[in-house]
Amino acid sequence: MAEDAVCAGFFRAAEGAKISCLDQFQEGNLISFILGNLLEAFYNFFAAVLNPSMWLDWSNSEALMRFIYYGASVELFFVLLVGLLIVTAVGIWKRSFMWGCVRGLEGFANVTGRFFAWAGLLMVLQQIIIVFMQRIFTRPDISIGFGIPLQFDISWFAEELKLFNALVVCLCVSYTFVQGGHVRVDLFYAGAKFRTKRVIDMFGALFFMIPFAIVTWLYGWFFLWRHLVTPNPSASDRLELLLRKARLLKWNVETIGFSPNGFNGYFLFKILLCAFCAMVILQAISVFYRALLEFREGPESEDKYLDRDTLGEGEEAYEGTH
């Protein structure tokens, strides 16, 4: 048992010891676990920054396994949590800094969303080409490019349409939130007072958006890597087990389609799932910061610095409709 072992070393177990004193402290109870991980987050951050080859040198199979493990680990969660707490504390002390964070996060959401929204147009154009090639020219394939063209069966391009849809859903989610385009079921929000709305926004960001995105990330991260490498990593694997698996590690990117000549890049959907979670978490932080600032500054700060698209003069009645 860990509590029966003699600890040696604070952050990491000293030579000859089985457990560090901080790890032993963390196993005491929930409060000890949280406090211990918050303290250890500083050590883990600087250890990662000062030793990038330990987790970014993917020519080393152990480094790749560390990257996989820490990508959905307790250690990463508390490093990010401590960083967020520091940024929030600075923002509470200096509102202009927090407004800058809001503008930066919303700007990132808008730029990303406005760019990848064009995937919807590409999806429509590609579908039109597929129909023409199949029904009018009766071609079994489509060739794109000069010299050495990109040539695939029409069924490949037909299945690949789902990738454009996934790009819009996963990478435009925050943009749609900023623009007020998500469908809402409003039971009491519209009739609430200004500051009550801001409290609801903060509660929703902290207790709905972020937990949902974190849980989805935990499943999606290992779901992604199980289709990229073998032997398959598991969320229940400890770092020591993954490092032993690293001896047999090799890339095994999933290229199996639903049909013999169909789209074979389904691993891209797993990447987009993780990107979706990251976008939702960043947007939740932006929502919380904006709601907190508007709560403190009052109704005159509502929609301050908010960059929303417009349909032009005279079309205001149609903007933001769901």
C-alpha atoms as a PDB file:
ATOM      1  CA  MET A   1       0.000   0.000   0.000  1.00  0.00           C
ATOM      2  CA  ALA A   2       1.206   3.502  -0.840  1.00  0.00           C
ATOM      3  CA  GLU A   3       0.464   4.794   2.653  1.00  0.00           C
ATOM      4  CA  ASP A   4       2.699   2.081   4.136  1.00  0.00           C
ATOM      5  CA  ALA A   5       5.632   2.936   1.884  1.00  0.00           C
ATOM      6  CA  VAL A   6       8.268   5.422   2.971  1.00  0.00           C
ATOM      7  CA  CYS A   7       8.273   8.395   0.631  1.00  0.00           C
ATOM      8  CA  ALA A   8      11.454  10.074  -0.550  1.00  0.00           C
ATOM      9  CA  GLY A   9      11.719  13.071  -2.848  1.00  0.00           C
ATOM     10  CA  PHE A  10       9.082  15.768  -3.120  1.00  0.00           C
ATOM     11  CA  PHE A  11       7.873  15.957  -6.741  1.00  0.00           C
ATOM     12  CA  ARG A  12       9.434  12.695  -7.926  1.00  0.00           C
ATOM     13  CA  ALA A  13      10.450   9.616  -5.991  1.00  0.00           C
ATOM     14  CA  ALA A  14      14.117   9.624  -5.065  1.00  0.00           C
ATOM     15  CA  GLU A  15      16.377   6.802  -6.143  1.00  0.00           C
ATOM     16  CA  GLY A  16      15.462   3.632  -4.299  1.00  0.00           C
ATOM     17  CA  ALA A  17      12.031   4.934  -3.209  1.00  0.00           C
ATOM     18  CA  LYS A  18       8.712   3.713  -4.594  1.00  0.00           C
ATOM     19  CA  ILE A  19       6.712   6.893  -4.144  1.00  0.00           C
ATOM     20  CA  SER A  20       7.315  10.626  -3.800  1.00  0.00           C
ATOM     21  CA  CYS A  21       6.029  12.511  -0.792  1.00  0.00           C
ATOM     22  CA  LEU A  22       3.695  14.602  -2.961  1.00  0.00           C
ATOM     23  CA  ASP A  23       2.171  11.485  -4.546  1.00  0.00           C
ATOM     24  CA  GLN A  24       1.662  10.021  -1.086  1.00  0.00           C
ATOM     25  CA  PHE A  25      -0.015  13.245   0.025  1.00  0.00           C
ATOM     26  CA  GLN A  26      -2.333  13.203  -3.013  1.00  0.00           C
ATOM     27  CA  GLU A  27      -3.617   9.732  -2.152  1.00  0.00           C
ATOM     28  CA  GLY A  28      -4.917  10.906   1.231  1.00  0.00           C
ATOM     29  CA  ASN A  29      -8.355  12.259   0.238  1.00  0.00           C
ATOM     30  CA  LEU A  30     -10.060  14.389  -2.404  1.00  0.00           C
ATOM     31  CA  ILE A  31      -8.827  17.690  -0.975  1.00  0.00           C
ATOM     32  CA  SER A  32      -5.270  16.366  -0.794  1.00  0.00           C
ATOM     33  CA  PHE A  33      -5.581  15.107  -4.362  1.00  0.00           C
ATOM     34  CA  ILE A  34      -6.678  18.516  -5.666  1.00  0.00           C
ATOM     35  CA  LEU A  35      -4.158  20.549  -3.649  1.00  0.00           C
ATOM     36  CA  GLY A  36      -1.325  18.173  -4.488  1.00  0.00           C
ATOM     37  CA  ASN A  37      -2.048  18.293  -8.210  1.00  0.00           C
ATOM     38  CA  LEU A  38      -2.367  22.076  -8.181  1.00  0.00           C
ATOM     39  CA  LEU A  39       1.080  22.290  -6.594  1.00  0.00           C
ATOM     40  CA  GLU A  40       2.550  19.678  -8.915  1.00  0.00           C
ATOM     41  CA  ALA A  41       1.194  21.538 -11.954  1.00  0.00           C
ATOM     42  CA  PHE A  42       4.005  24.114 -11.711  1.00  0.00           C
ATOM     43  CA  TYR A  43       6.639  21.374 -11.717  1.00  0.00           C
ATOM     44  CA  ASN A  44       4.962  19.547 -14.610  1.00  0.00           C
ATOM     45  CA  PHE A  45       4.710  22.709 -16.705  1.00  0.00           C
ATOM     46  CA  PHE A  46       8.379  23.610 -16.412  1.00  0.00           C
ATOM     47  CA  ALA A  47       9.430  19.971 -16.799  1.00  0.00           C
ATOM     48  CA  ALA A  48       7.530  19.813 -20.108  1.00  0.00           C
ATOM     49  CA  VAL A  49       8.848  23.168 -21.353  1.00  0.00           C
ATOM     50  CA  LEU A  50      12.463  22.474 -20.415  1.00  0.00           C
ATOM     51  CA  ASN A  51      12.435  18.895 -21.754  1.00  0.00           C
ATOM     52  CA  PRO A  52      10.468  19.055 -25.033  1.00  0.00           C
ATOM     53  CA  SER A  53      12.278  16.051 -26.496  1.00  0.00           C
ATOM     54  CA  MET A  54      10.738  13.867 -23.787  1.00  0.00           C
ATOM     55  CA  TRP A  55       7.296  14.218 -25.438  1.00  0.00           C
ATOM     56  CA  LEU A  56       7.748  15.924 -28.832  1.00  0.00           C
ATOM     57  CA  ASP A  57      10.510  13.794 -30.355  1.00  0.00           C
ATOM     58  CA  TRP A  58       8.194  11.348 -32.117  1.00  0.00           C
ATOM     59  CA  SER A  59      11.134   9.479 -33.654  1.00  0.00           C
ATOM     60  CA  ASN A  60      11.432   8.089 -30.126  1.00  0.00           C
ATOM     61  CA  SER A  61       8.532   5.718 -29.417  1.00  0.00           C
ATOM     62  CA  GLU A  62       8.633   6.464 -25.683  1.00  0.00           C
ATOM     63  CA  ALA A  63       8.300  10.196 -26.353  1.00  0.00           C
ATOM     64  CA  LEU A  64       5.251   9.520 -28.538  1.00  0.00           C
ATOM     65  CA  MET A  65       3.690   7.385 -25.818  1.00  0.00           C
ATOM     66  CA  ARG A  66       4.284  10.171 -23.286  1.00  0.00           C
ATOM     67  CA  PHE A  67       2.530  12.598 -25.646  1.00  0.00           C
ATOM     68  CA  ILE A  68      -0.433  10.211 -25.936  1.00  0.00           C
ATOM     69  CA  TYR A  69      -0.612   9.674 -22.183  1.00  0.00           C
ATOM     70  CA  TYR A  70      -0.294  13.298 -21.130  1.00  0.00           C
ATOM     71  CA  GLY A  71      -2.723  14.491 -23.823  1.00  0.00           C
ATOM     72  CA  ALA A  72      -5.662  13.293 -21.702  1.00  0.00           C
ATOM     73  CA  SER A  73      -4.071  13.095 -18.272  1.00  0.00           C
ATOM     74  CA  VAL A  74      -4.762  14.476 -14.831  1.00  0.00           C
ATOM     75  CA  GLU A  75      -1.426  16.275 -15.046  1.00  0.00           C
ATOM     76  CA  LEU A  76      -2.420  18.208 -18.181  1.00  0.00           C
ATOM     77  CA  PHE A  77      -5.814  19.082 -16.706  1.00  0.00           C
ATOM     78  CA  PHE A  78      -4.279  20.696 -13.625  1.00  0.00           C
ATOM     79  CA  VAL A  79      -1.578  22.498 -15.627  1.00  0.00           C
ATOM     80  CA  LEU A  80      -4.288  24.079 -17.788  1.00  0.00           C
ATOM     81  CA  LEU A  81      -6.463  24.737 -14.728  1.00  0.00           C
ATOM     82  CA  VAL A  82      -3.655  26.566 -12.941  1.00  0.00           C
ATOM     83  CA  GLY A  83      -2.948  28.586 -16.082  1.00  0.00           C
ATOM     84  CA  LEU A  84      -6.618  29.505 -16.366  1.00  0.00           C
ATOM     85  CA  LEU A  85      -6.799  30.500 -12.699  1.00  0.00           C
ATOM     86  CA  ILE A  86      -3.756  32.759 -13.093  1.00  0.00           C
ATOM     87  CA  VAL A  87      -5.170  34.415 -16.227  1.00  0.00           C
ATOM     88  CA  THR A  88      -8.548  34.847 -14.498  1.00  0.00           C
ATOM     89  CA  ALA A  89      -6.932  36.389 -11.411  1.00  0.00           C
ATOM     90  CA  VAL A  90      -5.002  38.862 -13.557  1.00  0.00           C
ATOM     91  CA  GLY A  91      -8.195  39.648 -15.479  1.00  0.00           C
ATOM     92  CA  ILE A  92     -10.174  40.307 -12.295  1.00  0.00           C
ATOM     93  CA  TRP A  93      -7.425  42.660 -11.164  1.00  0.00           C
ATOM     94  CA  LYS A  94      -7.193  44.376 -14.553  1.00  0.00           C
ATOM     95  CA  ARG A  95     -10.407  44.370 -16.586  1.00  0.00           C
ATOM     96  CA  SER A  96      -8.736  45.586 -19.766  1.00  0.00           C
ATOM     97  CA  PHE A  97      -6.654  42.394 -19.783  1.00  0.00           C
ATOM     98  CA  MET A  98      -9.768  40.230 -19.477  1.00  0.00           C
ATOM     99  CA  TRP A  99     -11.503  42.194 -22.225  1.00  0.00           C
ATOM    100  CA  GLY A 100      -8.424  41.549 -24.339  1.00  0.00           C
ATOM    101  CA  CYS A 101      -8.791  37.809 -23.667  1.00  0.00           C
ATOM    102  CA  VAL A 102     -12.461  37.984 -24.674  1.00  0.00           C
ATOM    103  CA  ARG A 103     -11.661  39.830 -27.892  1.00  0.00           C
ATOM    104  CA  GLY A 104      -8.837  37.413 -28.677  1.00  0.00           C
ATOM    105  CA  LEU A 105     -10.913  34.281 -28.079  1.00  0.00           C
ATOM    106  CA  GLU A 106     -13.939  35.606 -29.954  1.00  0.00           C
ATOM    107  CA  GLY A 107     -11.694  36.844 -32.756  1.00  0.00           C
ATOM    108  CA  PHE A 108     -10.114  33.391 -33.045  1.00  0.00           C
ATOM    109  CA  ALA A 109     -13.578  31.803 -33.152  1.00  0.00           C
ATOM    110  CA  ASN A 110     -14.738  34.238 -35.846  1.00  0.00           C
ATOM    111  CA  VAL A 111     -11.642  33.886 -38.038  1.00  0.00           C
ATOM    112  CA  THR A 112     -11.700  30.083 -37.807  1.00  0.00           C
ATOM    113  CA  GLY A 113     -15.438  29.864 -38.401  1.00  0.00           C
ATOM    114  CA  ARG A 114     -15.531  32.302 -41.299  1.00  0.00           C
ATOM    115  CA  PHE A 115     -12.726  30.407 -43.034  1.00  0.00           C
ATOM    116  CA  PHE A 116     -14.065  26.884 -42.593  1.00  0.00           C
ATOM    117  CA  ALA A 117     -17.643  27.944 -43.352  1.00  0.00           C
ATOM    118  CA  TRP A 118     -16.535  27.922 -46.992  1.00  0.00           C
ATOM    119  CA  ALA A 119     -16.425  24.133 -46.689  1.00  0.00           C
ATOM    120  CA  GLY A 120     -20.221  24.263 -46.985  1.00  0.00           C
ATOM    121  CA  LEU A 121     -19.936  25.863 -50.427  1.00  0.00           C
ATOM    122  CA  LEU A 122     -17.284  23.350 -51.495  1.00  0.00           C
ATOM    123  CA  MET A 123     -19.582  20.539 -50.377  1.00  0.00           C
ATOM    124  CA  VAL A 124     -22.405  21.855 -52.575  1.00  0.00           C
ATOM    125  CA  LEU A 125     -20.134  22.360 -55.601  1.00  0.00           C
ATOM    126  CA  GLN A 126     -18.615  18.912 -55.221  1.00  0.00           C
ATOM    127  CA  GLN A 127     -22.058  17.324 -55.004  1.00  0.00           C
ATOM    128  CA  ILE A 128     -23.077  19.092 -58.222  1.00  0.00           C
ATOM    129  CA  ILE A 129     -19.932  17.816 -59.968  1.00  0.00           C
ATOM    130  CA  ILE A 130     -20.625  14.274 -58.752  1.00  0.00           C
ATOM    131  CA  VAL A 131     -24.175  14.382 -60.142  1.00  0.00           C
ATOM    132  CA  PHE A 132     -22.974  15.714 -63.509  1.00  0.00           C
ATOM    133  CA  MET A 133     -20.151  13.161 -63.772  1.00  0.00           C
ATOM    134  CA  GLN A 134     -22.449  10.268 -62.862  1.00  0.00           C
ATOM    135  CA  ARG A 135     -25.673  11.147 -64.685  1.00  0.00           C
ATOM    136  CA  ILE A 136     -24.498  13.119 -67.705  1.00  0.00           C
ATOM    137  CA  PHE A 137     -20.932  12.006 -68.472  1.00  0.00           C
ATOM    138  CA  THR A 138     -21.369   8.511 -66.927  1.00  0.00           C
ATOM    139  CA  ARG A 139     -17.828   8.570 -65.591  1.00  0.00           C
ATOM    140  CA  PRO A 140     -16.824   6.111 -62.824  1.00  0.00           C
ATOM    141  CA  ASP A 141     -14.140   8.416 -61.433  1.00  0.00           C
ATOM    142  CA  ILE A 142     -13.060  12.051 -61.116  1.00  0.00           C
ATOM    143  CA  SER A 143      -9.567  13.323 -61.887  1.00  0.00           C
ATOM    144  CA  ILE A 144      -8.399  16.663 -60.484  1.00  0.00           C
ATOM    145  CA  GLY A 145      -5.069  18.395 -61.139  1.00  0.00           C
ATOM    146  CA  PHE A 146      -2.302  18.677 -63.721  1.00  0.00           C
ATOM    147  CA  GLY A 147       0.672  16.422 -64.376  1.00  0.00           C
ATOM    148  CA  ILE A 148       0.039  13.723 -61.766  1.00  0.00           C
ATOM    149  CA  PRO A 149      -3.681  14.233 -61.067  1.00  0.00           C
ATOM    150  CA  LEU A 150      -5.670  13.327 -57.992  1.00  0.00           C
ATOM    151  CA  GLN A 151      -7.898  10.542 -59.246  1.00  0.00           C
ATOM    152  CA  PHE A 152     -10.437   8.618 -57.193  1.00  0.00           C
ATOM    153  CA  ASP A 153     -13.629   6.709 -57.761  1.00  0.00           C
ATOM    154  CA  ILE A 154     -16.802   8.797 -57.606  1.00  0.00           C
ATOM    155  CA  SER A 155     -17.829   6.889 -54.485  1.00  0.00           C
ATOM    156  CA  TRP A 156     -14.669   8.256 -52.806  1.00  0.00           C
ATOM    157  CA  PHE A 157     -15.723  11.848 -53.498  1.00  0.00           C
ATOM    158  CA  ALA A 158     -19.316  11.083 -52.483  1.00  0.00           C
ATOM    159  CA  GLU A 159     -18.252   9.746 -49.073  1.00  0.00           C
ATOM    160  CA  GLU A 160     -15.720  12.563 -48.665  1.00  0.00           C
ATOM    161  CA  LEU A 161     -18.615  15.055 -48.580  1.00  0.00           C
ATOM    162  CA  LYS A 162     -19.051  14.080 -44.929  1.00  0.00           C
ATOM    163  CA  LEU A 163     -15.630  15.584 -44.212  1.00  0.00           C
ATOM    164  CA  PHE A 164     -16.810  19.021 -45.371  1.00  0.00           C
ATOM    165  CA  ASN A 165     -19.832  18.685 -43.111  1.00  0.00           C
ATOM    166  CA  ALA A 166     -17.588  17.700 -40.194  1.00  0.00           C
ATOM    167  CA  LEU A 167     -15.346  20.722 -40.828  1.00  0.00           C
ATOM    168  CA  VAL A 168     -18.346  23.043 -40.580  1.00  0.00           C
ATOM    169  CA  VAL A 169     -19.758  21.381 -37.464  1.00  0.00           C
ATOM    170  CA  CYS A 170     -16.507  21.039 -35.522  1.00  0.00           C
ATOM    171  CA  LEU A 171     -14.625  24.210 -36.478  1.00  0.00           C
ATOM    172  CA  CYS A 172     -17.544  26.627 -36.816  1.00  0.00           C
ATOM    173  CA  VAL A 173     -19.166  25.738 -33.488  1.00  0.00           C
ATOM    174  CA  SER A 174     -17.589  28.657 -31.596  1.00  0.00           C
ATOM    175  CA  TYR A 175     -18.173  31.064 -34.468  1.00  0.00           C
ATOM    176  CA  THR A 176     -21.869  30.153 -34.481  1.00  0.00           C
ATOM    177  CA  PHE A 177     -21.997  30.739 -30.706  1.00  0.00           C
ATOM    178  CA  VAL A 178     -20.433  34.195 -31.048  1.00  0.00           C
ATOM    179  CA  GLN A 179     -22.905  35.052 -33.808  1.00  0.00           C
ATOM    180  CA  GLY A 180     -25.846  33.842 -31.693  1.00  0.00           C
ATOM    181  CA  GLY A 181     -26.782  31.229 -34.256  1.00  0.00           C
ATOM    182  CA  HIS A 182     -27.310  28.167 -32.067  1.00  0.00           C
ATOM    183  CA  VAL A 183     -30.870  26.996 -31.442  1.00  0.00           C
ATOM    184  CA  ARG A 184     -31.954  27.716 -27.864  1.00  0.00           C
ATOM    185  CA  VAL A 185     -34.810  26.390 -25.759  1.00  0.00           C
ATOM    186  CA  ASP A 186     -35.591  29.449 -23.635  1.00  0.00           C
ATOM    187  CA  LEU A 187     -37.643  28.690 -20.518  1.00  0.00           C
ATOM    188  CA  PHE A 188     -36.846  31.713 -18.343  1.00  0.00           C
ATOM    189  CA  TYR A 189     -33.695  33.406 -19.743  1.00  0.00           C
ATOM    190  CA  ALA A 190     -35.393  36.083 -21.895  1.00  0.00           C
ATOM    191  CA  GLY A 191     -37.451  37.417 -18.994  1.00  0.00           C
ATOM    192  CA  ALA A 192     -34.607  37.463 -16.484  1.00  0.00           C
ATOM    193  CA  LYS A 193     -32.839  40.613 -15.303  1.00  0.00           C
ATOM    194  CA  PHE A 194     -29.552  41.654 -16.904  1.00  0.00           C
ATOM    195  CA  ARG A 195     -27.245  40.427 -14.130  1.00  0.00           C
ATOM    196  CA  THR A 196     -29.314  37.253 -13.668  1.00  0.00           C
ATOM    197  CA  LYS A 197     -28.642  36.440 -17.327  1.00  0.00           C
ATOM    198  CA  ARG A 198     -24.918  36.927 -16.771  1.00  0.00           C
ATOM    199  CA  VAL A 199     -24.994  34.534 -13.795  1.00  0.00           C
ATOM    200  CA  ILE A 200     -26.804  31.962 -15.937  1.00  0.00           C
ATOM    201  CA  ASP A 201     -24.171  32.385 -18.662  1.00  0.00           C
ATOM    202  CA  MET A 202     -21.330  31.873 -16.189  1.00  0.00           C
ATOM    203  CA  PHE A 203     -23.018  28.834 -14.656  1.00  0.00           C
ATOM    204  CA  GLY A 204     -23.667  27.294 -18.060  1.00  0.00           C
ATOM    205  CA  ALA A 205     -20.090  27.829 -19.213  1.00  0.00           C
ATOM    206  CA  LEU A 206     -18.577  26.315 -16.053  1.00  0.00           C
ATOM    207  CA  PHE A 207     -20.958  23.451 -15.376  1.00  0.00           C
ATOM    208  CA  PHE A 208     -22.227  22.475 -18.822  1.00  0.00           C
ATOM    209  CA  MET A 209     -19.931  23.551 -21.652  1.00  0.00           C
ATOM    210  CA  ILE A 210     -16.541  22.802 -20.089  1.00  0.00           C
ATOM    211  CA  PRO A 211     -17.430  19.454 -18.420  1.00  0.00           C
ATOM    212  CA  PHE A 212     -19.129  18.240 -21.619  1.00  0.00           C
ATOM    213  CA  ALA A 213     -16.091  19.174 -23.718  1.00  0.00           C
ATOM    214  CA  ILE A 214     -13.613  17.628 -21.266  1.00  0.00           C
ATOM    215  CA  VAL A 215     -15.461  14.303 -21.106  1.00  0.00           C
ATOM    216  CA  THR A 216     -15.746  14.222 -24.899  1.00  0.00           C
ATOM    217  CA  TRP A 217     -12.015  15.004 -25.178  1.00  0.00           C
ATOM    218  CA  LEU A 218     -11.109  12.141 -22.823  1.00  0.00           C
ATOM    219  CA  TYR A 219     -12.995   9.672 -25.003  1.00  0.00           C
ATOM    220  CA  GLY A 220     -12.028  11.283 -28.305  1.00  0.00           C
ATOM    221  CA  TRP A 221      -8.288  11.520 -27.577  1.00  0.00           C
ATOM    222  CA  PHE A 222      -7.744   7.806 -27.096  1.00  0.00           C
ATOM    223  CA  PHE A 223     -10.331   7.019 -29.792  1.00  0.00           C
ATOM    224  CA  LEU A 224      -8.080   9.001 -32.157  1.00  0.00           C
ATOM    225  CA  TRP A 225      -4.821   7.333 -31.183  1.00  0.00           C
ATOM    226  CA  ARG A 226      -6.297   3.838 -31.313  1.00  0.00           C
ATOM    227  CA  HIS A 227      -6.712   4.459 -35.054  1.00  0.00           C
ATOM    228  CA  LEU A 228      -3.224   5.888 -35.537  1.00  0.00           C
ATOM    229  CA  VAL A 229      -0.812   3.588 -33.681  1.00  0.00           C
ATOM    230  CA  THR A 230      -0.462   0.021 -32.512  1.00  0.00           C
ATOM    231  CA  PRO A 231      -0.479  -1.464 -29.887  1.00  0.00           C
ATOM    232  CA  ASN A 232      -3.614   0.449 -29.003  1.00  0.00           C
ATOM    233  CA  PRO A 233      -3.333   2.836 -26.044  1.00  0.00           C
ATOM    234  CA  SER A 234      -6.171   2.864 -23.533  1.00  0.00           C
ATOM    235  CA  ALA A 235      -7.489   5.542 -21.192  1.00  0.00           C
ATOM    236  CA  SER A 236      -7.000   3.109 -18.283  1.00  0.00           C
ATOM    237  CA  ASP A 237      -3.317   2.503 -19.076  1.00  0.00           C
ATOM    238  CA  ARG A 238      -0.816   3.989 -16.658  1.00  0.00           C
ATOM    239  CA  LEU A 239       2.292   5.698 -18.012  1.00  0.00           C
ATOM    240  CA  GLU A 240       4.529   2.780 -17.011  1.00  0.00           C
ATOM    241  CA  LEU A 241       2.394   0.364 -19.069  1.00  0.00           C
ATOM    242  CA  LEU A 242       2.382   2.670 -22.090  1.00  0.00           C
ATOM    243  CA  LEU A 243       6.170   2.991 -21.933  1.00  0.00           C
ATOM    244  CA  ARG A 244       6.424  -0.802 -22.006  1.00  0.00           C
ATOM    245  CA  LYS A 245       4.072  -0.853 -24.996  1.00  0.00           C
ATOM    246  CA  ALA A 246       6.370   1.681 -26.683  1.00  0.00           C
ATOM    247  CA  ARG A 247       8.843  -1.096 -27.448  1.00  0.00           C
ATOM    248  CA  LEU A 248       6.340  -2.460 -30.000  1.00  0.00           C
ATOM    249  CA  LEU A 249       4.961   0.912 -31.106  1.00  0.00           C
ATOM    250  CA  LYS A 250       4.466   1.604 -34.796  1.00  0.00           C
ATOM    251  CA  TRP A 251       2.251   3.845 -36.901  1.00  0.00           C
ATOM    252  CA  ASN A 252      -0.908   2.179 -38.176  1.00  0.00           C
ATOM    253  CA  VAL A 253      -3.059   4.967 -39.635  1.00  0.00           C
ATOM    254  CA  GLU A 254      -6.619   3.865 -40.350  1.00  0.00           C
ATOM    255  CA  THR A 255      -7.269   3.902 -44.108  1.00  0.00           C
ATOM    256  CA  ILE A 256     -10.287   1.607 -44.303  1.00  0.00           C
ATOM    257  CA  GLY A 257     -13.413   2.929 -46.039  1.00  0.00           C
ATOM    258  CA  PHE A 258     -17.018   1.809 -45.850  1.00  0.00           C
ATOM    259  CA  SER A 259     -16.805   0.631 -49.455  1.00  0.00           C
ATOM    260  CA  PRO A 260     -13.903  -0.814 -51.493  1.00  0.00           C
ATOM    261  CA  ASN A 261     -13.307   2.438 -53.401  1.00  0.00           C
ATOM    262  CA  GLY A 262     -14.765   4.774 -50.781  1.00  0.00           C
ATOM    263  CA  PHE A 263     -13.218   7.570 -48.749  1.00  0.00           C
ATOM    264  CA  ASN A 264     -10.344   6.239 -46.653  1.00  0.00           C
ATOM    265  CA  GLY A 265      -9.373   9.187 -44.440  1.00  0.00           C
ATOM    266  CA  TYR A 266     -11.734   8.556 -41.535  1.00  0.00           C
ATOM    267  CA  PHE A 267      -8.962   9.254 -39.014  1.00  0.00           C
ATOM    268  CA  LEU A 268      -9.498  12.931 -39.929  1.00  0.00           C
ATOM    269  CA  PHE A 269     -12.907  12.789 -38.237  1.00  0.00           C
ATOM    270  CA  LYS A 270     -11.219  11.713 -34.990  1.00  0.00           C
ATOM    271  CA  ILE A 271      -8.864  14.689 -35.223  1.00  0.00           C
ATOM    272  CA  LEU A 272     -11.815  16.994 -35.814  1.00  0.00           C
ATOM    273  CA  LEU A 273     -13.573  15.574 -32.746  1.00  0.00           C
ATOM    274  CA  CYS A 274     -10.649  16.689 -30.569  1.00  0.00           C
ATOM    275  CA  ALA A 275     -10.546  20.057 -32.351  1.00  0.00           C
ATOM    276  CA  PHE A 276     -14.276  20.441 -31.620  1.00  0.00           C
ATOM    277  CA  CYS A 277     -13.644  19.911 -27.899  1.00  0.00           C
ATOM    278  CA  ALA A 278     -10.843  22.484 -27.885  1.00  0.00           C
ATOM    279  CA  MET A 279     -13.055  25.044 -29.645  1.00  0.00           C
ATOM    280  CA  VAL A 280     -15.896  24.502 -27.156  1.00  0.00           C
ATOM    281  CA  ILE A 281     -13.559  24.864 -24.147  1.00  0.00           C
ATOM    282  CA  LEU A 282     -12.070  28.101 -25.502  1.00  0.00           C
ATOM    283  CA  GLN A 283     -15.546  29.454 -26.227  1.00  0.00           C
ATOM    284  CA  ALA A 284     -16.725  28.518 -22.731  1.00  0.00           C
ATOM    285  CA  ILE A 285     -13.836  30.525 -21.260  1.00  0.00           C
ATOM    286  CA  SER A 286     -14.788  33.450 -23.497  1.00  0.00           C
ATOM    287  CA  VAL A 287     -18.451  33.205 -22.444  1.00  0.00           C
ATOM    288  CA  PHE A 288     -17.505  33.119 -18.759  1.00  0.00           C
ATOM    289  CA  TYR A 289     -15.152  36.094 -19.047  1.00  0.00           C
ATOM    290  CA  ARG A 290     -17.654  38.184 -21.021  1.00  0.00           C
ATOM    291  CA  ALA A 291     -20.479  37.372 -18.595  1.00  0.00           C
ATOM    292  CA  LEU A 292     -18.278  38.212 -15.603  1.00  0.00           C
ATOM    293  CA  LEU A 293     -17.209  41.536 -17.086  1.00  0.00           C
ATOM    294  CA  GLU A 294     -20.749  42.491 -18.099  1.00  0.00           C
ATOM    295  CA  PHE A 295     -21.992  41.508 -14.625  1.00  0.00           C
ATOM    296  CA  ARG A 296     -19.440  43.843 -13.039  1.00  0.00           C
ATOM    297  CA  GLU A 297     -19.840  46.743 -15.468  1.00  0.00           C
ATOM    298  CA  GLY A 298     -23.602  46.681 -15.913  1.00  0.00           C
ATOM    299  CA  PRO A 299     -25.997  46.900 -18.898  1.00  0.00           C
ATOM    300  CA  GLU A 300     -23.907  49.558 -20.669  1.00  0.00           C
ATOM    301  CA  SER A 301     -21.237  46.912 -21.378  1.00  0.00           C
ATOM    302  CA  GLU A 302     -23.639  44.460 -23.048  1.00  0.00           C
ATOM    303  CA  ASP A 303     -22.178  43.110 -26.315  1.00  0.00           C
ATOM    304  CA  LYS A 304     -19.091  45.275 -25.842  1.00  0.00           C
ATOM    305  CA  TYR A 305     -16.469  44.581 -28.561  1.00  0.00           C
ATOM    306  CA  LEU A 306     -18.760  41.877 -29.972  1.00  0.00           C
ATOM    307  CA  ASP A 307     -17.997  41.266 -33.653  1.00  0.00           C
ATOM    308  CA  ARG A 308     -21.099  39.886 -35.309  1.00  0.00           C
ATOM    309  CA  ASP A 309     -21.809  39.502 -39.005  1.00  0.00           C
ATOM    310  CA  THR A 310     -24.467  41.696 -40.543  1.00  0.00           C
ATOM    311  CA  LEU A 311     -26.727  41.242 -43.540  1.00  0.00           C
ATOM    312  CA  GLY A 312     -26.656  44.958 -44.254  1.00  0.00           C
ATOM    313  CA  GLU A 313     -28.807  47.957 -43.537  1.00  0.00           C
ATOM    314  CA  GLY A 314     -32.504  47.169 -43.304  1.00  0.00           C
ATOM    315  CA  GLU A 315     -31.991  43.471 -42.617  1.00  0.00           C
ATOM    316  CA  GLU A 316     -31.608  43.715 -38.841  1.00  0.00           C
ATOM    317  CA  ALA A 317     -34.878  41.840 -38.227  1.00  0.00           C
ATOM    318  CA  TYR A 318     -33.420  38.702 -39.831  1.00  0.00           C
ATOM    319  CA  GLU A 319     -30.079  38.717 -37.999  1.00  0.00           C
ATOM    320  CA  GLY A 320     -29.679  36.251 -35.171  1.00  0.00           C
ATOM    321  CA  THR A 321     -32.947  34.468 -35.938  1.00  0.00           C
ATOM    322  CA  HIS A 322     -33.018  30.735 -35.232  1.00  0.00           C
END
